Amino acid sequence: MLRSVGCIIYELAALCHAFEGTTLMGVMYQIVEVAAPKWPDGYSQALASLYYAYVLEDNSLIVIVFLLSCSLFEN
């Protein structure tokens, strides 16, 4: 489930689908077997870290990145 949040973040930033396929099975194969797409250039490192944390489904990293990014946005 966390990986899907990462895909949504990617799609909003890149303005394209994270995984492509001509059929539902093709898309599912891409999600399971293919590495997550590279984060697009031009965005902050904090947002890129949050994306990779969600895609890798690393709960502890998600919390750390979220807390750090909150302090970054306060300025």
PDB file of N, CA and C in Angstrom:
ATOM      1  N   MET A   1       0.819  -1.191   0.000  1.00  0.00           N
ATOM      2  CA  MET A   1       0.000   0.000   0.000  1.00  0.00           C
ATOM      3  C   MET A   1       0.866   1.260   0.000  1.00  0.00           C
ATOM      4  N   LEU A   2       1.959   1.255   0.737  1.00  0.00           N
ATOM      5  CA  LEU A   2       2.820   2.434   0.784  1.00  0.00           C
ATOM      6  C   LEU A   2       3.429   2.722  -0.572  1.00  0.00           C
ATOM      7  N   ARG A   3       3.715   1.669  -1.312  1.00  0.00           N
ATOM      8  CA  ARG A   3       4.305   1.852  -2.645  1.00  0.00           C
ATOM      9  C   ARG A   3       3.363   2.648  -3.543  1.00  0.00           C
ATOM     10  N   SER A   4       2.071   2.465  -3.377  1.00  0.00           N
ATOM     11  CA  SER A   4       1.112   3.195  -4.210  1.00  0.00           C
ATOM     12  C   SER A   4       1.163   4.695  -3.924  1.00  0.00           C
ATOM     13  N   VAL A   5       1.426   5.087  -2.680  1.00  0.00           N
ATOM     14  CA  VAL A   5       1.583   6.508  -2.356  1.00  0.00           C
ATOM     15  C   VAL A   5       2.802   7.071  -3.081  1.00  0.00           C
ATOM     16  N   GLY A   6       3.873   6.306  -3.110  1.00  0.00           N
ATOM     17  CA  GLY A   6       5.065   6.715  -3.851  1.00  0.00           C
ATOM     18  C   GLY A   6       4.771   6.891  -5.329  1.00  0.00           C
ATOM     19  N   CYS A   7       3.964   6.003  -5.885  1.00  0.00           N
ATOM     20  CA  CYS A   7       3.594   6.118  -7.298  1.00  0.00           C
ATOM     21  C   CYS A   7       2.778   7.378  -7.558  1.00  0.00           C
ATOM     22  N   ILE A   8       1.892   7.707  -6.644  1.00  0.00           N
ATOM     23  CA  ILE A   8       1.082   8.926  -6.802  1.00  0.00           C
ATOM     24  C   ILE A   8       1.977  10.160  -6.740  1.00  0.00           C
ATOM     25  N   ILE A   9       2.917  10.183  -5.786  1.00  0.00           N
ATOM     26  CA  ILE A   9       3.857  11.306  -5.684  1.00  0.00           C
ATOM     27  C   ILE A   9       4.646  11.433  -6.980  1.00  0.00           C
ATOM     28  N   TYR A  10       5.120  10.309  -7.510  1.00  0.00           N
ATOM     29  CA  TYR A  10       5.881  10.324  -8.765  1.00  0.00           C
ATOM     30  C   TYR A  10       5.029  10.864  -9.913  1.00  0.00           C
ATOM     31  N   GLU A  11       3.798  10.371 -10.044  1.00  0.00           N
ATOM     32  CA  GLU A  11       2.945  10.768 -11.154  1.00  0.00           C
ATOM     33  C   GLU A  11       2.596  12.248 -11.095  1.00  0.00           C
ATOM     34  N   LEU A  12       2.429  12.790  -9.893  1.00  0.00           N
ATOM     35  CA  LEU A  12       2.169  14.220  -9.770  1.00  0.00           C
ATOM     36  C   LEU A  12       3.384  15.053 -10.171  1.00  0.00           C
ATOM     37  N   ALA A  13       4.562  14.561  -9.841  1.00  0.00           N
ATOM     38  CA  ALA A  13       5.792  15.305 -10.166  1.00  0.00           C
ATOM     39  C   ALA A  13       6.179  15.144 -11.634  1.00  0.00           C
ATOM     40  N   ALA A  14       6.119  13.932 -12.147  1.00  0.00           N
ATOM     41  CA  ALA A  14       6.589  13.649 -13.505  1.00  0.00           C
ATOM     42  C   ALA A  14       5.523  13.893 -14.572  1.00  0.00           C
ATOM     43  N   LEU A  15       4.274  13.975 -14.147  1.00  0.00           N
ATOM     44  CA  LEU A  15       3.142  14.130 -15.069  1.00  0.00           C
ATOM     45  C   LEU A  15       3.055  12.995 -16.081  1.00  0.00           C
ATOM     46  N   CYS A  16       3.395  11.794 -15.604  1.00  0.00           N
ATOM     47  CA  CYS A  16       3.232  10.586 -16.414  1.00  0.00           C
ATOM     48  C   CYS A  16       3.086   9.395 -15.466  1.00  0.00           C
ATOM     49  N   HIS A  17       2.651   8.277 -16.002  1.00  0.00           N
ATOM     50  CA  HIS A  17       2.458   7.084 -15.189  1.00  0.00           C
ATOM     51  C   HIS A  17       3.790   6.525 -14.709  1.00  0.00           C
ATOM     52  N   ALA A  18       3.795   6.013 -13.488  1.00  0.00           N
ATOM     53  CA  ALA A  18       5.009   5.393 -12.950  1.00  0.00           C
ATOM     54  C   ALA A  18       5.294   4.072 -13.656  1.00  0.00           C
ATOM     55  N   PHE A  19       4.257   3.337 -14.000  1.00  0.00           N
ATOM     56  CA  PHE A  19       4.406   2.047 -14.662  1.00  0.00           C
ATOM     57  C   PHE A  19       3.455   1.994 -15.848  1.00  0.00           C
ATOM     58  N   GLU A  20       3.926   1.477 -16.952  1.00  0.00           N
ATOM     59  CA  GLU A  20       3.143   1.406 -18.188  1.00  0.00           C
ATOM     60  C   GLU A  20       2.903  -0.043 -18.572  1.00  0.00           C
ATOM     61  N   GLY A  21       1.787  -0.299 -19.202  1.00  0.00           N
ATOM     62  CA  GLY A  21       1.488  -1.624 -19.720  1.00  0.00           C
ATOM     63  C   GLY A  21       0.261  -1.554 -20.602  1.00  0.00           C
ATOM     64  N   THR A  22       0.168  -2.464 -21.558  1.00  0.00           N
ATOM     65  CA  THR A  22      -0.988  -2.463 -22.453  1.00  0.00           C
ATOM     66  C   THR A  22      -2.169  -3.204 -21.853  1.00  0.00           C
ATOM     67  N   THR A  23      -1.910  -4.043 -20.846  1.00  0.00           N
ATOM     68  CA  THR A  23      -2.973  -4.767 -20.156  1.00  0.00           C
ATOM     69  C   THR A  23      -2.770  -4.621 -18.649  1.00  0.00           C
ATOM     70  N   LEU A  24      -3.779  -4.988 -17.893  1.00  0.00           N
ATOM     71  CA  LEU A  24      -3.671  -4.948 -16.443  1.00  0.00           C
ATOM     72  C   LEU A  24      -2.546  -5.860 -15.959  1.00  0.00           C
ATOM     73  N   MET A  25      -2.408  -7.028 -16.553  1.00  0.00           N
ATOM     74  CA  MET A  25      -1.327  -7.947 -16.185  1.00  0.00           C
ATOM     75  C   MET A  25       0.040  -7.337 -16.509  1.00  0.00           C
ATOM     76  N   GLY A  26       0.117  -6.597 -17.600  1.00  0.00           N
ATOM     77  CA  GLY A  26       1.364  -5.938 -17.964  1.00  0.00           C
ATOM     78  C   GLY A  26       1.774  -4.887 -16.946  1.00  0.00           C
ATOM     79  N   VAL A  27       0.801  -4.123 -16.468  1.00  0.00           N
ATOM     80  CA  VAL A  27       1.076  -3.112 -15.443  1.00  0.00           C
ATOM     81  C   VAL A  27       1.468  -3.797 -14.139  1.00  0.00           C
ATOM     82  N   MET A  28       0.768  -4.850 -13.768  1.00  0.00           N
ATOM     83  CA  MET A  28       1.090  -5.571 -12.532  1.00  0.00           C
ATOM     84  C   MET A  28       2.495  -6.157 -12.605  1.00  0.00           C
ATOM     85  N   TYR A  29       2.886  -6.663 -13.755  1.00  0.00           N
ATOM     86  CA  TYR A  29       4.239  -7.187 -13.930  1.00  0.00           C
ATOM     87  C   TYR A  29       5.261  -6.080 -13.714  1.00  0.00           C
ATOM     88  N   GLN A  30       5.016  -4.924 -14.302  1.00  0.00           N
ATOM     89  CA  GLN A  30       5.927  -3.791 -14.141  1.00  0.00           C
ATOM     90  C   GLN A  30       6.083  -3.420 -12.668  1.00  0.00           C
ATOM     91  N   ILE A  31       4.986  -3.372 -11.941  1.00  0.00           N
ATOM     92  CA  ILE A  31       5.017  -2.993 -10.524  1.00  0.00           C
ATOM     93  C   ILE A  31       5.825  -3.995  -9.708  1.00  0.00           C
ATOM     94  N   VAL A  32       5.644  -5.281  -9.993  1.00  0.00           N
ATOM     95  CA  VAL A  32       6.288  -6.323  -9.197  1.00  0.00           C
ATOM     96  C   VAL A  32       7.738  -6.558  -9.609  1.00  0.00           C
ATOM     97  N   GLU A  33       8.030  -6.544 -10.897  1.00  0.00           N
ATOM     98  CA  GLU A  33       9.331  -6.982 -11.394  1.00  0.00           C
ATOM     99  C   GLU A  33      10.312  -5.870 -11.767  1.00  0.00           C
ATOM    100  N   VAL A  34       9.811  -4.694 -12.067  1.00  0.00           N
ATOM    101  CA  VAL A  34      10.672  -3.621 -12.566  1.00  0.00           C
ATOM    102  C   VAL A  34      10.963  -2.641 -11.431  1.00  0.00           C
ATOM    103  N   ALA A  35      12.185  -2.125 -11.418  1.00  0.00           N
ATOM    104  CA  ALA A  35      12.560  -1.147 -10.398  1.00  0.00           C
ATOM    105  C   ALA A  35      11.712   0.114 -10.552  1.00  0.00           C
ATOM    106  N   ALA A  36      11.533   0.800  -9.456  1.00  0.00           N
ATOM    107  CA  ALA A  36      10.759   2.042  -9.464  1.00  0.00           C
ATOM    108  C   ALA A  36      11.434   3.060 -10.378  1.00  0.00           C
ATOM    109  N   PRO A  37      10.644   3.890 -11.026  1.00  0.00           N
ATOM    110  CA  PRO A  37      11.237   4.887 -11.918  1.00  0.00           C
ATOM    111  C   PRO A  37      12.100   5.889 -11.160  1.00  0.00           C
ATOM    112  N   LYS A  38      13.107   6.405 -11.850  1.00  0.00           N
ATOM    113  CA  LYS A  38      14.005   7.398 -11.265  1.00  0.00           C
ATOM    114  C   LYS A  38      13.225   8.693 -11.024  1.00  0.00           C
ATOM    115  N   TRP A  39      13.493   9.331  -9.902  1.00  0.00           N
ATOM    116  CA  TRP A  39      12.831  10.581  -9.558  1.00  0.00           C
ATOM    117  C   TRP A  39      13.228  11.662 -10.572  1.00  0.00           C
ATOM    118  N   PRO A  40      12.258  12.450 -11.063  1.00  0.00           N
ATOM    119  CA  PRO A  40      12.578  13.473 -12.060  1.00  0.00           C
ATOM    120  C   PRO A  40      13.423  14.610 -11.464  1.00  0.00           C
ATOM    121  N   ASP A  41      14.264  15.187 -12.286  1.00  0.00           N
ATOM    122  CA  ASP A  41      15.100  16.309 -11.849  1.00  0.00           C
ATOM    123  C   ASP A  41      14.233  17.553 -11.629  1.00  0.00           C
ATOM    124  N   GLY A  42      14.763  18.470 -10.836  1.00  0.00           N
ATOM    125  CA  GLY A  42      14.085  19.746 -10.641  1.00  0.00           C
ATOM    126  C   GLY A  42      13.258  19.833  -9.372  1.00  0.00           C
ATOM    127  N   TYR A  43      13.268  18.802  -8.555  1.00  0.00           N
ATOM    128  CA  TYR A  43      12.518  18.808  -7.303  1.00  0.00           C
ATOM    129  C   TYR A  43      13.489  18.692  -6.133  1.00  0.00           C
ATOM    130  N   SER A  44      13.022  19.052  -4.949  1.00  0.00           N
ATOM    131  CA  SER A  44      13.888  19.046  -3.774  1.00  0.00           C
ATOM    132  C   SER A  44      14.329  17.627  -3.405  1.00  0.00           C
ATOM    133  N   GLN A  45      15.462  17.568  -2.737  1.00  0.00           N
ATOM    134  CA  GLN A  45      15.971  16.275  -2.261  1.00  0.00           C
ATOM    135  C   GLN A  45      15.036  15.686  -1.218  1.00  0.00           C
ATOM    136  N   ALA A  46      14.384  16.542  -0.423  1.00  0.00           N
ATOM    137  CA  ALA A  46      13.447  16.055   0.602  1.00  0.00           C
ATOM    138  C   ALA A  46      12.280  15.314  -0.044  1.00  0.00           C
ATOM    139  N   LEU A  47      11.736  15.859  -1.113  1.00  0.00           N
ATOM    140  CA  LEU A  47      10.624  15.203  -1.801  1.00  0.00           C
ATOM    141  C   LEU A  47      11.087  13.914  -2.470  1.00  0.00           C
ATOM    142  N   ALA A  48      12.277  13.936  -3.045  1.00  0.00           N
ATOM    143  CA  ALA A  48      12.834  12.720  -3.645  1.00  0.00           C
ATOM    144  C   ALA A  48      13.033  11.639  -2.585  1.00  0.00           C
ATOM    145  N   SER A  49      13.523  12.018  -1.416  1.00  0.00           N
ATOM    146  CA  SER A  49      13.719  11.055  -0.326  1.00  0.00           C
ATOM    147  C   SER A  49      12.395  10.467   0.134  1.00  0.00           C
ATOM    148  N   LEU A  50      11.375  11.307   0.216  1.00  0.00           N
ATOM    149  CA  LEU A  50      10.047  10.821   0.606  1.00  0.00           C
ATOM    150  C   LEU A  50       9.527   9.827  -0.426  1.00  0.00           C
ATOM    151  N   TYR A  51       9.702  10.140  -1.700  1.00  0.00           N
ATOM    152  CA  TYR A  51       9.285   9.233  -2.774  1.00  0.00           C
ATOM    153  C   TYR A  51       9.973   7.880  -2.634  1.00  0.00           C
ATOM    154  N   TYR A  52      11.306   7.885  -2.499  1.00  0.00           N
ATOM    155  CA  TYR A  52      12.039   6.621  -2.399  1.00  0.00           C
ATOM    156  C   TYR A  52      11.682   5.863  -1.133  1.00  0.00           C
ATOM    157  N   ALA A  53      11.403   6.566  -0.042  1.00  0.00           N
ATOM    158  CA  ALA A  53      10.993   5.890   1.190  1.00  0.00           C
ATOM    159  C   ALA A  53       9.681   5.144   0.985  1.00  0.00           C
ATOM    160  N   TYR A  54       8.734   5.782   0.314  1.00  0.00           N
ATOM    161  CA  TYR A  54       7.453   5.116   0.047  1.00  0.00           C
ATOM    162  C   TYR A  54       7.614   3.972  -0.936  1.00  0.00           C
ATOM    163  N   VAL A  55       8.382   4.171  -1.983  1.00  0.00           N
ATOM    164  CA  VAL A  55       8.556   3.128  -2.994  1.00  0.00           C
ATOM    165  C   VAL A  55       9.266   1.916  -2.398  1.00  0.00           C
ATOM    166  N   LEU A  56      10.224   2.152  -1.520  1.00  0.00           N
ATOM    167  CA  LEU A  56      10.940   1.047  -0.880  1.00  0.00           C
ATOM    168  C   LEU A  56      10.179   0.489   0.321  1.00  0.00           C
ATOM    169  N   GLU A  57       9.065   1.150   0.678  1.00  0.00           N
ATOM    170  CA  GLU A  57       8.217   0.749   1.804  1.00  0.00           C
ATOM    171  C   GLU A  57       9.018   0.646   3.104  1.00  0.00           C
ATOM    172  N   ASP A  58       9.825   1.653   3.358  1.00  0.00           N
ATOM    173  CA  ASP A  58      10.641   1.714   4.572  1.00  0.00           C
ATOM    174  C   ASP A  58       9.957   2.639   5.578  1.00  0.00           C
ATOM    175  N   ASN A  59       9.200   2.061   6.517  1.00  0.00           N
ATOM    176  CA  ASN A  59       8.405   2.854   7.459  1.00  0.00           C
ATOM    177  C   ASN A  59       9.248   3.795   8.305  1.00  0.00           C
ATOM    178  N   SER A  60      10.389   3.340   8.784  1.00  0.00           N
ATOM    179  CA  SER A  60      11.213   4.202   9.624  1.00  0.00           C
ATOM    180  C   SER A  60      11.765   5.372   8.818  1.00  0.00           C
ATOM    181  N   LEU A  61      12.134   5.121   7.575  1.00  0.00           N
ATOM    182  CA  LEU A  61      12.640   6.186   6.725  1.00  0.00           C
ATOM    183  C   LEU A  61      11.541   7.188   6.397  1.00  0.00           C
ATOM    184  N   ILE A  62      10.321   6.728   6.221  1.00  0.00           N
ATOM    185  CA  ILE A  62       9.197   7.629   5.943  1.00  0.00           C
ATOM    186  C   ILE A  62       9.013   8.609   7.098  1.00  0.00           C
ATOM    187  N   VAL A  63       9.043   8.122   8.312  1.00  0.00           N
ATOM    188  CA  VAL A  63       8.867   8.984   9.483  1.00  0.00           C
ATOM    189  C   VAL A  63      10.001  10.005   9.573  1.00  0.00           C
ATOM    190  N   ILE A  64      11.226   9.563   9.385  1.00  0.00           N
ATOM    191  CA  ILE A  64      12.378  10.469   9.473  1.00  0.00           C
ATOM    192  C   ILE A  64      12.301  11.542   8.393  1.00  0.00           C
ATOM    193  N   VAL A  65      12.031  11.150   7.164  1.00  0.00           N
ATOM    194  CA  VAL A  65      11.960  12.116   6.061  1.00  0.00           C
ATOM    195  C   VAL A  65      10.811  13.086   6.283  1.00  0.00           C
ATOM    196  N   PHE A  66       9.678  12.592   6.768  1.00  0.00           N
ATOM    197  CA  PHE A  66       8.536  13.470   7.021  1.00  0.00           C
ATOM    198  C   PHE A  66       8.880  14.511   8.071  1.00  0.00           C
ATOM    199  N   LEU A  67       9.500  14.098   9.149  1.00  0.00           N
ATOM    200  CA  LEU A  67       9.872  15.039  10.211  1.00  0.00           C
ATOM    201  C   LEU A  67      10.883  16.064   9.715  1.00  0.00           C
ATOM    202  N   LEU A  68      11.850  15.624   8.941  1.00  0.00           N
ATOM    203  CA  LEU A  68      12.837  16.565   8.394  1.00  0.00           C
ATOM    204  C   LEU A  68      12.195  17.536   7.413  1.00  0.00           C
ATOM    205  N   SER A  69      11.297  17.043   6.576  1.00  0.00           N
ATOM    206  CA  SER A  69      10.679  17.924   5.597  1.00  0.00           C
ATOM    207  C   SER A  69       9.745  18.916   6.271  1.00  0.00           C
ATOM    208  N   CYS A  70       9.107  18.545   7.367  1.00  0.00           N
ATOM    209  CA  CYS A  70       8.277  19.497   8.099  1.00  0.00           C
ATOM    210  C   CYS A  70       9.104  20.673   8.580  1.00  0.00           C
ATOM    211  N   SER A  71      10.302  20.399   9.082  1.00  0.00           N
ATOM    212  CA  SER A  71      11.163  21.480   9.555  1.00  0.00           C
ATOM    213  C   SER A  71      11.666  22.319   8.378  1.00  0.00           C
ATOM    214  N   LEU A  72      11.825  21.710   7.214  1.00  0.00           N
ATOM    215  CA  LEU A  72      12.264  22.469   6.033  1.00  0.00           C
ATOM    216  C   LEU A  72      11.181  23.423   5.533  1.00  0.00           C
ATOM    217  N   PHE A  73       9.906  22.991   5.619  1.00  0.00           N
ATOM    218  CA  PHE A  73       8.824  23.811   5.107  1.00  0.00           C
ATOM    219  C   PHE A  73       8.432  24.939   6.049  1.00  0.00           C
ATOM    220  N   GLU A  74       8.866  24.877   7.308  1.00  0.00           N
ATOM    221  CA  GLU A  74       8.526  25.926   8.260  1.00  0.00           C
ATOM    222  C   GLU A  74       9.241  27.228   7.946  1.00  0.00           C
ATOM    223  N   ASN A  75      10.371  27.143   7.278  1.00  0.00           N
ATOM    224  CA  ASN A  75      11.167  28.360   7.003  1.00  0.00           C
ATOM    225  C   ASN A  75      10.578  29.195   5.926  1.00  0.00           C
TER     226      ASN A  75
END
